[in-house]
Structures are given as structure tokens and as C-alpha cells.
Amino acid sequence: MPLAKAVQLLKGSSSKWMNDTIRNNFAWQEGYGAFAVSTSQAQQVIAYIDNQNQHHANRTFDVEFIELLKKNGVAFDPEYVFG
């Protein structure tokens, strides 16, 4: 499945769930960021996700995302990164 289609389905179904169960007027911002991870790194990614609350107590998602973009040489305009 193409990444764009997967993101469309994920955003659509999660928006519907949020609006039906938690709050009205929920909407995702436009766009998305996606990074590939090799199979050999899968356990490290799982551990990162499991410890995400603790991890983001020291560094916000915004800071980490910008660092990830820079580390991987992704060109971006800071004014538009977060919508």
C-alpha cells in the first residue's frame, strides 16, 4: 500500500473515532512526516515507543522532530513544519 494511502486511511479512521467518542471538531493538521526503519532496528523502535512518555519528558516532540529532519538532511521551512 502506498504511504500516502496508508496515512489517508489512518487519519480518516482516527478522526472519525475521535469525533464519535471523545470530542467533536477534531481534525489532523495537513501533511505528515514519515521515516523508514530497517527490520534490524525494529526492537529499538518498539522500545522507543514503549518509553515515549519518559523520553518526551526530557525533549519535546517538536524539538526531536526538527533534529530528525536535520540529521537526515531533509530540507524544510520551520514556519510550515507543524502546520
N, C-alpha and C. Protein backbone atom coordinates (compact mmCIF):
# COMPACT_ATOMS: atom_id res chain seq x y z
N MET A 1 0.85 -1.16 0.00
CA MET A 1 0.00 0.00 0.00
C MET A 1 0.90 1.24 0.00
N PRO A 2 0.63 2.19 -0.86
CA PRO A 2 1.42 3.42 -0.86
C PRO A 2 1.29 4.16 0.47
N LEU A 3 2.37 4.79 0.89
CA LEU A 3 2.38 5.51 2.16
C LEU A 3 1.26 6.55 2.24
N ALA A 4 1.06 7.31 1.17
CA ALA A 4 0.02 8.35 1.18
C ALA A 4 -1.36 7.75 1.45
N LYS A 5 -1.64 6.59 0.88
CA LYS A 5 -2.93 5.92 1.10
C LYS A 5 -3.05 5.45 2.55
N ALA A 6 -1.98 4.89 3.10
CA ALA A 6 -1.99 4.44 4.50
C ALA A 6 -2.24 5.61 5.44
N VAL A 7 -1.59 6.74 5.19
CA VAL A 7 -1.79 7.92 6.03
C VAL A 7 -3.23 8.43 5.89
N GLN A 8 -3.74 8.45 4.68
CA GLN A 8 -5.13 8.87 4.45
C GLN A 8 -6.10 8.01 5.26
N LEU A 9 -5.92 6.69 5.22
CA LEU A 9 -6.80 5.78 5.96
C LEU A 9 -6.65 5.96 7.47
N LEU A 10 -5.42 6.10 7.92
CA LEU A 10 -5.16 6.28 9.35
C LEU A 10 -5.78 7.58 9.86
N LYS A 11 -5.53 8.67 9.14
CA LYS A 11 -6.09 9.96 9.57
C LYS A 11 -7.62 9.94 9.52
N GLY A 12 -8.17 9.36 8.46
CA GLY A 12 -9.62 9.33 8.31
C GLY A 12 -10.31 8.52 9.40
N SER A 13 -9.82 7.31 9.64
CA SER A 13 -10.48 6.47 10.64
C SER A 13 -10.25 6.99 12.06
N SER A 14 -9.07 7.52 12.35
CA SER A 14 -8.82 8.04 13.69
C SER A 14 -9.59 9.33 13.94
N SER A 15 -9.76 10.16 12.91
CA SER A 15 -10.57 11.38 13.06
C SER A 15 -12.02 11.02 13.35
N LYS A 16 -12.54 10.04 12.64
CA LYS A 16 -13.92 9.61 12.87
C LYS A 16 -14.08 9.09 14.29
N TRP A 17 -13.14 8.25 14.74
CA TRP A 17 -13.20 7.70 16.09
C TRP A 17 -13.16 8.82 17.13
N MET A 18 -12.23 9.76 16.96
CA MET A 18 -12.11 10.88 17.91
C MET A 18 -13.42 11.67 17.97
N ASN A 19 -13.97 12.00 16.81
CA ASN A 19 -15.19 12.80 16.77
C ASN A 19 -16.40 12.04 17.31
N ASP A 20 -16.42 10.73 17.13
CA ASP A 20 -17.54 9.91 17.62
C ASP A 20 -17.45 9.62 19.12
N THR A 21 -16.23 9.54 19.67
CA THR A 21 -16.10 9.06 21.05
C THR A 21 -15.54 10.06 22.05
N ILE A 22 -14.69 10.96 21.62
CA ILE A 22 -14.01 11.83 22.60
C ILE A 22 -14.39 13.29 22.46
N ARG A 23 -14.29 13.82 21.28
CA ARG A 23 -14.62 15.24 21.12
C ARG A 23 -15.01 15.53 19.69
N ASN A 24 -15.88 16.49 19.55
CA ASN A 24 -16.23 16.97 18.21
C ASN A 24 -15.18 17.98 17.77
N ASN A 25 -15.12 18.25 16.51
CA ASN A 25 -14.20 19.24 15.93
C ASN A 25 -12.74 18.79 15.93
N PHE A 26 -12.47 17.48 16.10
CA PHE A 26 -11.09 17.02 15.98
C PHE A 26 -10.71 16.97 14.51
N ALA A 27 -9.51 17.43 14.20
CA ALA A 27 -9.01 17.35 12.83
C ALA A 27 -7.48 17.28 12.87
N TRP A 28 -6.93 16.49 12.00
CA TRP A 28 -5.48 16.43 11.84
C TRP A 28 -5.01 17.65 11.07
N GLN A 29 -3.79 18.08 11.33
CA GLN A 29 -3.21 19.13 10.50
C GLN A 29 -2.92 18.54 9.12
N GLU A 30 -2.72 19.40 8.15
CA GLU A 30 -2.39 18.92 6.81
C GLU A 30 -0.98 18.36 6.80
N GLY A 31 -0.76 17.41 5.93
CA GLY A 31 0.57 16.86 5.74
C GLY A 31 0.93 15.80 6.78
N TYR A 32 2.14 15.26 6.65
CA TYR A 32 2.65 14.25 7.57
C TYR A 32 4.13 14.07 7.33
N GLY A 33 4.80 13.46 8.28
CA GLY A 33 6.19 13.10 8.14
C GLY A 33 6.32 11.61 8.30
N ALA A 34 7.15 10.98 7.52
CA ALA A 34 7.32 9.54 7.62
C ALA A 34 8.79 9.19 7.41
N PHE A 35 9.27 8.26 8.21
CA PHE A 35 10.64 7.82 8.10
C PHE A 35 10.65 6.29 8.08
N ALA A 36 11.45 5.71 7.23
CA ALA A 36 11.56 4.26 7.14
C ALA A 36 12.56 3.78 8.19
N VAL A 37 12.32 2.58 8.69
CA VAL A 37 13.21 1.95 9.66
C VAL A 37 13.48 0.54 9.17
N SER A 38 14.74 0.14 9.19
CA SER A 38 15.07 -1.20 8.73
C SER A 38 14.59 -2.24 9.75
N THR A 39 14.34 -3.43 9.27
CA THR A 39 13.87 -4.52 10.12
C THR A 39 14.83 -4.77 11.28
N SER A 40 16.11 -4.60 11.03
CA SER A 40 17.09 -4.85 12.08
C SER A 40 16.97 -3.87 13.24
N GLN A 41 16.29 -2.76 13.03
CA GLN A 41 16.10 -1.74 14.07
C GLN A 41 14.73 -1.82 14.74
N ALA A 42 13.93 -2.81 14.38
CA ALA A 42 12.54 -2.90 14.86
C ALA A 42 12.45 -2.92 16.39
N GLN A 43 13.29 -3.69 17.05
CA GLN A 43 13.22 -3.77 18.52
C GLN A 43 13.56 -2.43 19.17
N GLN A 44 14.50 -1.69 18.60
CA GLN A 44 14.84 -0.37 19.13
C GLN A 44 13.67 0.60 18.97
N VAL A 45 12.97 0.51 17.85
CA VAL A 45 11.80 1.37 17.62
C VAL A 45 10.69 1.01 18.61
N ILE A 46 10.46 -0.27 18.83
CA ILE A 46 9.44 -0.71 19.79
C ILE A 46 9.78 -0.20 21.20
N ALA A 47 11.04 -0.31 21.58
CA ALA A 47 11.47 0.19 22.90
C ALA A 47 11.27 1.70 23.00
N TYR A 48 11.58 2.42 21.93
CA TYR A 48 11.38 3.87 21.91
C TYR A 48 9.90 4.20 22.13
N ILE A 49 9.02 3.51 21.42
CA ILE A 49 7.58 3.77 21.55
C ILE A 49 7.11 3.43 22.97
N ASP A 50 7.58 2.32 23.51
CA ASP A 50 7.20 1.92 24.86
C ASP A 50 7.60 2.96 25.91
N ASN A 51 8.71 3.66 25.67
CA ASN A 51 9.22 4.64 26.64
C ASN A 51 9.01 6.09 26.20
N GLN A 52 8.06 6.30 25.31
CA GLN A 52 7.88 7.63 24.73
C GLN A 52 7.52 8.69 25.77
N ASN A 53 6.66 8.38 26.73
CA ASN A 53 6.30 9.38 27.74
C ASN A 53 7.52 9.84 28.51
N GLN A 54 8.34 8.91 28.94
CA GLN A 54 9.56 9.25 29.67
C GLN A 54 10.52 10.02 28.78
N HIS A 55 10.66 9.56 27.54
CA HIS A 55 11.57 10.19 26.59
C HIS A 55 11.19 11.66 26.35
N HIS A 56 9.90 11.92 26.16
CA HIS A 56 9.46 13.28 25.85
C HIS A 56 9.36 14.17 27.09
N ALA A 57 9.62 13.63 28.26
CA ALA A 57 9.72 14.47 29.45
C ALA A 57 11.01 15.29 29.40
N ASN A 58 12.00 14.79 28.65
CA ASN A 58 13.30 15.46 28.54
C ASN A 58 13.45 16.27 27.26
N ARG A 59 12.72 15.91 26.24
CA ARG A 59 12.84 16.59 24.95
C ARG A 59 11.48 16.51 24.26
N THR A 60 10.94 17.65 23.88
CA THR A 60 9.61 17.66 23.28
C THR A 60 9.63 17.00 21.90
N PHE A 61 8.46 16.59 21.46
CA PHE A 61 8.32 16.02 20.13
C PHE A 61 8.79 17.03 19.08
N ASP A 62 8.40 18.29 19.22
CA ASP A 62 8.78 19.30 18.23
C ASP A 62 10.29 19.39 18.08
N VAL A 63 11.00 19.45 19.19
CA VAL A 63 12.46 19.53 19.16
C VAL A 63 13.05 18.28 18.53
N GLU A 64 12.54 17.13 18.93
CA GLU A 64 13.06 15.88 18.40
C GLU A 64 12.81 15.75 16.90
N PHE A 65 11.63 16.16 16.44
CA PHE A 65 11.30 16.06 15.02
C PHE A 65 12.22 16.94 14.17
N ILE A 66 12.46 18.17 14.62
CA ILE A 66 13.37 19.07 13.89
C ILE A 66 14.78 18.48 13.85
N GLU A 67 15.23 17.92 14.97
CA GLU A 67 16.55 17.27 14.99
C GLU A 67 16.61 16.11 14.01
N LEU A 68 15.53 15.34 13.92
CA LEU A 68 15.48 14.21 13.00
C LEU A 68 15.54 14.68 11.54
N LEU A 69 14.81 15.75 11.23
CA LEU A 69 14.86 16.31 9.88
C LEU A 69 16.29 16.75 9.53
N LYS A 70 16.92 17.48 10.44
CA LYS A 70 18.28 17.97 10.20
C LYS A 70 19.26 16.81 10.05
N LYS A 71 19.17 15.82 10.95
CA LYS A 71 20.08 14.68 10.94
C LYS A 71 20.01 13.93 9.61
N ASN A 72 18.82 13.88 9.01
CA ASN A 72 18.63 13.13 7.77
C ASN A 72 18.67 14.01 6.52
N GLY A 73 19.07 15.25 6.66
CA GLY A 73 19.25 16.13 5.51
C GLY A 73 17.96 16.49 4.79
N VAL A 74 16.85 16.54 5.54
CA VAL A 74 15.56 16.89 4.94
C VAL A 74 15.40 18.41 4.94
N ALA A 75 15.22 18.98 3.75
CA ALA A 75 15.02 20.43 3.65
C ALA A 75 13.62 20.77 4.16
N PHE A 76 13.52 21.83 4.96
CA PHE A 76 12.22 22.22 5.50
C PHE A 76 12.23 23.70 5.83
N ASP A 77 11.05 24.29 5.88
CA ASP A 77 10.86 25.66 6.30
C ASP A 77 10.23 25.60 7.68
N PRO A 78 10.93 26.04 8.72
CA PRO A 78 10.41 25.93 10.09
C PRO A 78 9.01 26.55 10.26
N GLU A 79 8.71 27.52 9.45
CA GLU A 79 7.39 28.18 9.55
C GLU A 79 6.25 27.22 9.22
N TYR A 80 6.53 26.19 8.41
CA TYR A 80 5.46 25.31 7.93
C TYR A 80 5.55 23.87 8.45
N VAL A 81 6.52 23.56 9.28
CA VAL A 81 6.71 22.18 9.73
C VAL A 81 5.51 21.65 10.50
N PHE A 82 4.96 22.45 11.39
CA PHE A 82 3.87 21.97 12.25
C PHE A 82 2.53 22.56 11.90
N GLY A 83 2.37 23.02 10.69
CA GLY A 83 1.06 23.47 10.21
C GLY A 83 0.71 24.89 10.46
